């Protein structure tokens, strides 16, 4: 699922960096707690764009999207999805969000990728350069699952959310939510609390 956008022109989404030192430090601690060293390209080390300014639409055929290589070195965190635990990669930068699970040939049953946006919006995902079917859940600003969709390999028709309240998206192996009895209304959390508390220091 190469990039995420807001209908109708698919150019209004903002990927989030941790905007304060405390939040950046929290991410490093969480990633470290999952047994993964922080990536040199992790958000805490990168320059921080203005979160109020949407990025330009990615150019079709951009080299890094079509290079045939899945992205590696993303920070990781444990997510608690109802009673289940997922070892989860974090897509926090514009580039990481755009590339997503491109070129992945499998997704383990206990693995996932979480996309974090700077604001709630009506997102849409497509499957350019993704050779496997996957599931995606669209989540509200606190990490509550709003809706779940199956995404078909290589399908470039955007699958839009039915609401403009989406601030996170969670991609898993195809059929994972059904196999584990997870549906809309389920909370996705970390050891620090809700996704809103974890990534934006929101008070419960």
C-alpha atoms as a PDB file:
ATOM      1  CA  UNK A   1       0.000   0.000   0.000  1.00  0.00           C
ATOM      2  CA  UNK A   2       2.174   2.680  -1.348  1.00  0.00           C
ATOM      3  CA  UNK A   3       0.750   5.926  -0.186  1.00  0.00           C
ATOM      4  CA  UNK A   4      -2.151   7.402   1.691  1.00  0.00           C
ATOM      5  CA  UNK A   5      -4.177  10.394   0.718  1.00  0.00           C
ATOM      6  CA  UNK A   6      -7.375  12.321   1.244  1.00  0.00           C
ATOM      7  CA  UNK A   7     -10.021  12.193  -1.514  1.00  0.00           C
ATOM      8  CA  UNK A   8     -10.751  13.719  -3.928  1.00  0.00           C
ATOM      9  CA  UNK A   9      -7.228  14.644  -5.098  1.00  0.00           C
ATOM     10  CA  UNK A  10      -5.246  12.328  -2.829  1.00  0.00           C
ATOM     11  CA  UNK A  11      -2.874  15.088  -1.764  1.00  0.00           C
ATOM     12  CA  UNK A  12      -3.979  16.308   1.650  1.00  0.00           C
ATOM     13  CA  UNK A  13      -2.446  13.778   4.074  1.00  0.00           C
ATOM     14  CA  UNK A  14       0.316  14.736   6.492  1.00  0.00           C
ATOM     15  CA  UNK A  15       2.687  12.157   7.889  1.00  0.00           C
ATOM     16  CA  UNK A  16       3.641  12.829  11.486  1.00  0.00           C
ATOM     17  CA  UNK A  17       7.062  13.198  13.076  1.00  0.00           C
ATOM     18  CA  UNK A  18       7.329  13.424  16.836  1.00  0.00           C
ATOM     19  CA  UNK A  19       7.185  17.168  17.263  1.00  0.00           C
ATOM     20  CA  UNK A  20       8.693  17.542  20.721  1.00  0.00           C
ATOM     21  CA  UNK A  21      11.774  16.142  22.365  1.00  0.00           C
ATOM     22  CA  UNK A  22       9.731  14.290  24.961  1.00  0.00           C
ATOM     23  CA  UNK A  23       7.712  12.479  22.321  1.00  0.00           C
ATOM     24  CA  UNK A  24      10.815  11.672  20.295  1.00  0.00           C
ATOM     25  CA  UNK A  25      12.435  10.250  23.405  1.00  0.00           C
ATOM     26  CA  UNK A  26       9.332   8.221  24.145  1.00  0.00           C
ATOM     27  CA  UNK A  27       9.494   6.630  20.703  1.00  0.00           C
ATOM     28  CA  UNK A  28      13.138   5.669  21.177  1.00  0.00           C
ATOM     29  CA  UNK A  29      12.318   4.112  24.530  1.00  0.00           C
ATOM     30  CA  UNK A  30       9.401   2.199  23.068  1.00  0.00           C
ATOM     31  CA  UNK A  31      11.420   0.995  20.093  1.00  0.00           C
ATOM     32  CA  UNK A  32      14.224  -0.031  22.391  1.00  0.00           C
ATOM     33  CA  UNK A  33      11.761  -1.845  24.614  1.00  0.00           C
ATOM     34  CA  UNK A  34      10.771  -3.961  21.625  1.00  0.00           C
ATOM     35  CA  UNK A  35      14.344  -5.137  21.227  1.00  0.00           C
ATOM     36  CA  UNK A  36      15.034  -3.041  18.143  1.00  0.00           C
ATOM     37  CA  UNK A  37      17.790  -0.408  17.935  1.00  0.00           C
ATOM     38  CA  UNK A  38      16.566   2.951  16.632  1.00  0.00           C
ATOM     39  CA  UNK A  39      17.063   3.377  12.904  1.00  0.00           C
ATOM     40  CA  UNK A  40      19.452   6.125  11.743  1.00  0.00           C
ATOM     41  CA  UNK A  41      16.504   7.437   9.736  1.00  0.00           C
ATOM     42  CA  UNK A  42      14.080   7.367  12.668  1.00  0.00           C
ATOM     43  CA  UNK A  43      11.991  10.520  13.172  1.00  0.00           C
ATOM     44  CA  UNK A  44      13.969  11.591  16.238  1.00  0.00           C
ATOM     45  CA  UNK A  45      17.035  12.032  14.009  1.00  0.00           C
ATOM     46  CA  UNK A  46      15.271  13.582  11.015  1.00  0.00           C
ATOM     47  CA  UNK A  47      14.339  17.175  10.297  1.00  0.00           C
ATOM     48  CA  UNK A  48      10.788  18.003  11.308  1.00  0.00           C
ATOM     49  CA  UNK A  49       8.510  19.546   8.662  1.00  0.00           C
ATOM     50  CA  UNK A  50       5.633  21.816   9.547  1.00  0.00           C
ATOM     51  CA  UNK A  51       2.741  19.439  10.357  1.00  0.00           C
ATOM     52  CA  UNK A  52       0.203  21.982   9.142  1.00  0.00           C
ATOM     53  CA  UNK A  53       1.606  21.917   5.607  1.00  0.00           C
ATOM     54  CA  UNK A  54       0.449  18.947   3.479  1.00  0.00           C
ATOM     55  CA  UNK A  55       3.229  17.358   1.402  1.00  0.00           C
ATOM     56  CA  UNK A  56       3.127  17.404  -2.364  1.00  0.00           C
ATOM     57  CA  UNK A  57       1.601  14.371  -4.044  1.00  0.00           C
ATOM     58  CA  UNK A  58       4.199  11.704  -4.760  1.00  0.00           C
ATOM     59  CA  UNK A  59       5.283  11.630  -8.377  1.00  0.00           C
ATOM     60  CA  UNK A  60       4.124   8.463 -10.192  1.00  0.00           C
ATOM     61  CA  UNK A  61       7.143   6.309 -10.902  1.00  0.00           C
ATOM     62  CA  UNK A  62       9.254   7.885  -8.138  1.00  0.00           C
ATOM     63  CA  UNK A  63      12.455   5.881  -7.892  1.00  0.00           C
ATOM     64  CA  UNK A  64      12.207   4.903  -4.251  1.00  0.00           C
ATOM     65  CA  UNK A  65       8.687   3.563  -4.773  1.00  0.00           C
ATOM     66  CA  UNK A  66       9.571   1.522  -7.862  1.00  0.00           C
ATOM     67  CA  UNK A  67      12.983   0.228  -6.818  1.00  0.00           C
ATOM     68  CA  UNK A  68      11.702  -3.295  -6.109  1.00  0.00           C
ATOM     69  CA  UNK A  69      12.934  -3.250  -2.498  1.00  0.00           C
ATOM     70  CA  UNK A  70      10.792  -3.344   0.672  1.00  0.00           C
ATOM     71  CA  UNK A  71      11.713  -0.710   3.218  1.00  0.00           C
ATOM     72  CA  UNK A  72      13.662  -1.813   6.269  1.00  0.00           C
ATOM     73  CA  UNK A  73      14.912  -0.276   9.500  1.00  0.00           C
ATOM     74  CA  UNK A  74      11.613   1.240  10.630  1.00  0.00           C
ATOM     75  CA  UNK A  75      11.167   1.745  14.393  1.00  0.00           C
ATOM     76  CA  UNK A  76       9.023  -0.892  16.053  1.00  0.00           C
ATOM     77  CA  UNK A  77       6.559  -1.081  18.903  1.00  0.00           C
ATOM     78  CA  UNK A  78       4.262  -3.662  20.482  1.00  0.00           C
ATOM     79  CA  UNK A  79       0.586  -3.034  19.866  1.00  0.00           C
ATOM     80  CA  UNK A  80      -2.201  -4.573  21.931  1.00  0.00           C
ATOM     81  CA  UNK A  81      -5.221  -5.183  19.707  1.00  0.00           C
ATOM     82  CA  UNK A  82      -7.932  -6.482  21.999  1.00  0.00           C
ATOM     83  CA  UNK A  83      -6.301  -9.597  23.523  1.00  0.00           C
ATOM     84  CA  UNK A  84      -3.760  -9.935  20.690  1.00  0.00           C
ATOM     85  CA  UNK A  85      -0.186  -8.578  20.483  1.00  0.00           C
ATOM     86  CA  UNK A  86       1.417  -7.412  17.251  1.00  0.00           C
ATOM     87  CA  UNK A  87       5.091  -6.637  16.656  1.00  0.00           C
ATOM     88  CA  UNK A  88       4.553  -3.483  14.647  1.00  0.00           C
ATOM     89  CA  UNK A  89       6.662  -1.328  12.351  1.00  0.00           C
ATOM     90  CA  UNK A  90       5.969   2.407  12.535  1.00  0.00           C
ATOM     91  CA  UNK A  91       5.513   4.478   9.371  1.00  0.00           C
ATOM     92  CA  UNK A  92       6.023   8.019  10.658  1.00  0.00           C
ATOM     93  CA  UNK A  93       7.629   9.959   7.825  1.00  0.00           C
ATOM     94  CA  UNK A  94       6.177  10.920   4.451  1.00  0.00           C
ATOM     95  CA  UNK A  95       8.513   8.528   2.650  1.00  0.00           C
ATOM     96  CA  UNK A  96       7.761   5.622   5.004  1.00  0.00           C
ATOM     97  CA  UNK A  97       4.023   6.181   4.647  1.00  0.00           C
ATOM     98  CA  UNK A  98       4.212   6.413   0.871  1.00  0.00           C
ATOM     99  CA  UNK A  99       6.162   3.185   0.525  1.00  0.00           C
ATOM    100  CA  UNK A 100       4.287   1.243   3.195  1.00  0.00           C
ATOM    101  CA  UNK A 101       4.354  -2.487   2.443  1.00  0.00           C
ATOM    102  CA  UNK A 102       5.484  -2.154  -1.164  1.00  0.00           C
ATOM    103  CA  UNK A 103       7.444  -5.187  -2.381  1.00  0.00           C
ATOM    104  CA  UNK A 104       6.704  -7.277   0.729  1.00  0.00           C
ATOM    105  CA  UNK A 105       6.192 -10.929  -0.190  1.00  0.00           C
ATOM    106  CA  UNK A 106       4.725 -11.962   3.159  1.00  0.00           C
ATOM    107  CA  UNK A 107       3.437 -10.573   6.446  1.00  0.00           C
ATOM    108  CA  UNK A 108       3.844 -12.753   9.529  1.00  0.00           C
ATOM    109  CA  UNK A 109       0.765 -13.502  11.615  1.00  0.00           C
ATOM    110  CA  UNK A 110       2.203 -11.572  14.546  1.00  0.00           C
ATOM    111  CA  UNK A 111       3.502  -8.603  12.512  1.00  0.00           C
ATOM    112  CA  UNK A 112       1.905  -5.358  11.357  1.00  0.00           C
ATOM    113  CA  UNK A 113       2.610  -1.806  10.197  1.00  0.00           C
ATOM    114  CA  UNK A 114       1.076   1.262  11.844  1.00  0.00           C
ATOM    115  CA  UNK A 115       0.721   4.499   9.866  1.00  0.00           C
ATOM    116  CA  UNK A 116       0.587   7.655  12.000  1.00  0.00           C
ATOM    117  CA  UNK A 117      -0.880  10.863  10.564  1.00  0.00           C
ATOM    118  CA  UNK A 118      -0.536  14.386  11.923  1.00  0.00           C
ATOM    119  CA  UNK A 119      -4.282  14.965  11.890  1.00  0.00           C
ATOM    120  CA  UNK A 120      -7.536  13.091  11.404  1.00  0.00           C
ATOM    121  CA  UNK A 121      -8.793  12.988   7.819  1.00  0.00           C
ATOM    122  CA  UNK A 122     -10.618  10.790   5.307  1.00  0.00           C
ATOM    123  CA  UNK A 123      -7.763   8.596   4.161  1.00  0.00           C
ATOM    124  CA  UNK A 124      -7.508   6.181   1.242  1.00  0.00           C
ATOM    125  CA  UNK A 125      -5.060   3.341   0.611  1.00  0.00           C
ATOM    126  CA  UNK A 126      -4.060   1.677  -2.644  1.00  0.00           C
ATOM    127  CA  UNK A 127      -1.862  -1.331  -3.494  1.00  0.00           C
ATOM    128  CA  UNK A 128       0.649  -0.190  -6.113  1.00  0.00           C
ATOM    129  CA  UNK A 129       3.698  -2.481  -6.005  1.00  0.00           C
ATOM    130  CA  UNK A 130       2.247  -4.676  -3.246  1.00  0.00           C
ATOM    131  CA  UNK A 131       2.317  -8.337  -4.417  1.00  0.00           C
ATOM    132  CA  UNK A 132       0.242  -9.816  -1.573  1.00  0.00           C
ATOM    133  CA  UNK A 133      -3.265  -9.279  -0.222  1.00  0.00           C
ATOM    134  CA  UNK A 134      -3.389  -7.557   3.165  1.00  0.00           C
ATOM    135  CA  UNK A 135      -5.921  -6.136   5.620  1.00  0.00           C
ATOM    136  CA  UNK A 136      -6.085  -2.531   6.771  1.00  0.00           C
ATOM    137  CA  UNK A 137      -7.966  -1.090   9.733  1.00  0.00           C
ATOM    138  CA  UNK A 138      -8.698   2.635   9.870  1.00  0.00           C
ATOM    139  CA  UNK A 139      -8.494   3.985  13.427  1.00  0.00           C
ATOM    140  CA  UNK A 140      -9.751   7.149  15.122  1.00  0.00           C
ATOM    141  CA  UNK A 141      -7.478   9.613  16.999  1.00  0.00           C
ATOM    142  CA  UNK A 142      -7.481   7.438  20.130  1.00  0.00           C
ATOM    143  CA  UNK A 143      -6.801   4.181  18.267  1.00  0.00           C
ATOM    144  CA  UNK A 144     -10.325   2.751  18.143  1.00  0.00           C
ATOM    145  CA  UNK A 145     -10.955   0.668  15.023  1.00  0.00           C
ATOM    146  CA  UNK A 146     -13.550   2.373  12.825  1.00  0.00           C
ATOM    147  CA  UNK A 147     -13.553   0.043   9.815  1.00  0.00           C
ATOM    148  CA  UNK A 148     -11.588  -2.839   8.303  1.00  0.00           C
ATOM    149  CA  UNK A 149     -10.884  -3.469   4.617  1.00  0.00           C
ATOM    150  CA  UNK A 150      -9.229  -6.178   2.543  1.00  0.00           C
ATOM    151  CA  UNK A 151      -6.712  -4.749   0.088  1.00  0.00           C
ATOM    152  CA  UNK A 152      -6.033  -6.742  -3.080  1.00  0.00           C
ATOM    153  CA  UNK A 153      -2.527  -7.135  -4.474  1.00  0.00           C
ATOM    154  CA  UNK A 154      -1.479  -4.588  -7.096  1.00  0.00           C
ATOM    155  CA  UNK A 155      -4.918  -2.922  -7.052  1.00  0.00           C
ATOM    156  CA  UNK A 156      -4.387   0.805  -7.631  1.00  0.00           C
ATOM    157  CA  UNK A 157      -8.000   1.780  -6.963  1.00  0.00           C
ATOM    158  CA  UNK A 158      -7.927   3.727  -3.663  1.00  0.00           C
ATOM    159  CA  UNK A 159      -9.963   2.216  -0.826  1.00  0.00           C
ATOM    160  CA  UNK A 160     -11.348   5.272   0.925  1.00  0.00           C
ATOM    161  CA  UNK A 161     -12.470   5.463   4.540  1.00  0.00           C
ATOM    162  CA  UNK A 162     -16.138   6.188   5.142  1.00  0.00           C
ATOM    163  CA  UNK A 163     -15.281   8.855   7.723  1.00  0.00           C
ATOM    164  CA  UNK A 164     -12.950  11.818   8.112  1.00  0.00           C
ATOM    165  CA  UNK A 165     -11.935  10.722  11.635  1.00  0.00           C
ATOM    166  CA  UNK A 166      -8.991   8.499  10.651  1.00  0.00           C
ATOM    167  CA  UNK A 167      -5.639   9.339  12.280  1.00  0.00           C
ATOM    168  CA  UNK A 168      -4.009   5.901  12.229  1.00  0.00           C
ATOM    169  CA  UNK A 169      -4.075   2.906   9.901  1.00  0.00           C
ATOM    170  CA  UNK A 170      -2.991  -0.619  10.807  1.00  0.00           C
ATOM    171  CA  UNK A 171      -1.963  -3.114   8.124  1.00  0.00           C
ATOM    172  CA  UNK A 172      -1.796  -6.841   8.894  1.00  0.00           C
ATOM    173  CA  UNK A 173      -1.694 -10.189   7.138  1.00  0.00           C
ATOM    174  CA  UNK A 174      -4.765 -10.798   4.978  1.00  0.00           C
ATOM    175  CA  UNK A 175      -7.672 -12.109   7.073  1.00  0.00           C
ATOM    176  CA  UNK A 176      -5.942 -11.405  10.406  1.00  0.00           C
ATOM    177  CA  UNK A 177      -8.802  -9.432  11.940  1.00  0.00           C
ATOM    178  CA  UNK A 178     -11.390 -12.087  11.088  1.00  0.00           C
ATOM    179  CA  UNK A 179      -9.194 -14.944  12.331  1.00  0.00           C
ATOM    180  CA  UNK A 180      -8.727 -13.231  15.687  1.00  0.00           C
ATOM    181  CA  UNK A 181     -12.280 -11.970  16.120  1.00  0.00           C
ATOM    182  CA  UNK A 182     -11.239  -8.304  15.987  1.00  0.00           C
ATOM    183  CA  UNK A 183     -13.771  -5.804  14.653  1.00  0.00           C
ATOM    184  CA  UNK A 184     -14.819  -2.147  14.734  1.00  0.00           C
ATOM    185  CA  UNK A 185     -14.897  -0.735  18.256  1.00  0.00           C
ATOM    186  CA  UNK A 186     -11.761  -2.604  19.358  1.00  0.00           C
ATOM    187  CA  UNK A 187      -9.098  -0.417  20.994  1.00  0.00           C
ATOM    188  CA  UNK A 188      -5.499  -0.548  19.759  1.00  0.00           C
ATOM    189  CA  UNK A 189      -3.089   0.395  22.536  1.00  0.00           C
ATOM    190  CA  UNK A 190       0.569   0.371  23.575  1.00  0.00           C
ATOM    191  CA  UNK A 191       2.147  -0.115  26.979  1.00  0.00           C
ATOM    192  CA  UNK A 192       1.949   3.683  27.354  1.00  0.00           C
ATOM    193  CA  UNK A 193      -1.818   3.819  26.822  1.00  0.00           C
ATOM    194  CA  UNK A 194      -3.989   4.790  23.872  1.00  0.00           C
ATOM    195  CA  UNK A 195      -2.470   5.710  20.528  1.00  0.00           C
ATOM    196  CA  UNK A 196      -3.419   9.328  21.204  1.00  0.00           C
ATOM    197  CA  UNK A 197      -1.491   9.237  24.485  1.00  0.00           C
ATOM    198  CA  UNK A 198       1.455   7.387  22.951  1.00  0.00           C
ATOM    199  CA  UNK A 199       2.033   9.521  19.873  1.00  0.00           C
ATOM    200  CA  UNK A 200       0.540  12.899  20.759  1.00  0.00           C
ATOM    201  CA  UNK A 201       0.650  12.981  24.588  1.00  0.00           C
ATOM    202  CA  UNK A 202      -3.107  13.423  24.720  1.00  0.00           C
ATOM    203  CA  UNK A 203      -4.667  13.124  28.161  1.00  0.00           C
ATOM    204  CA  UNK A 204      -7.065  10.203  28.641  1.00  0.00           C
END
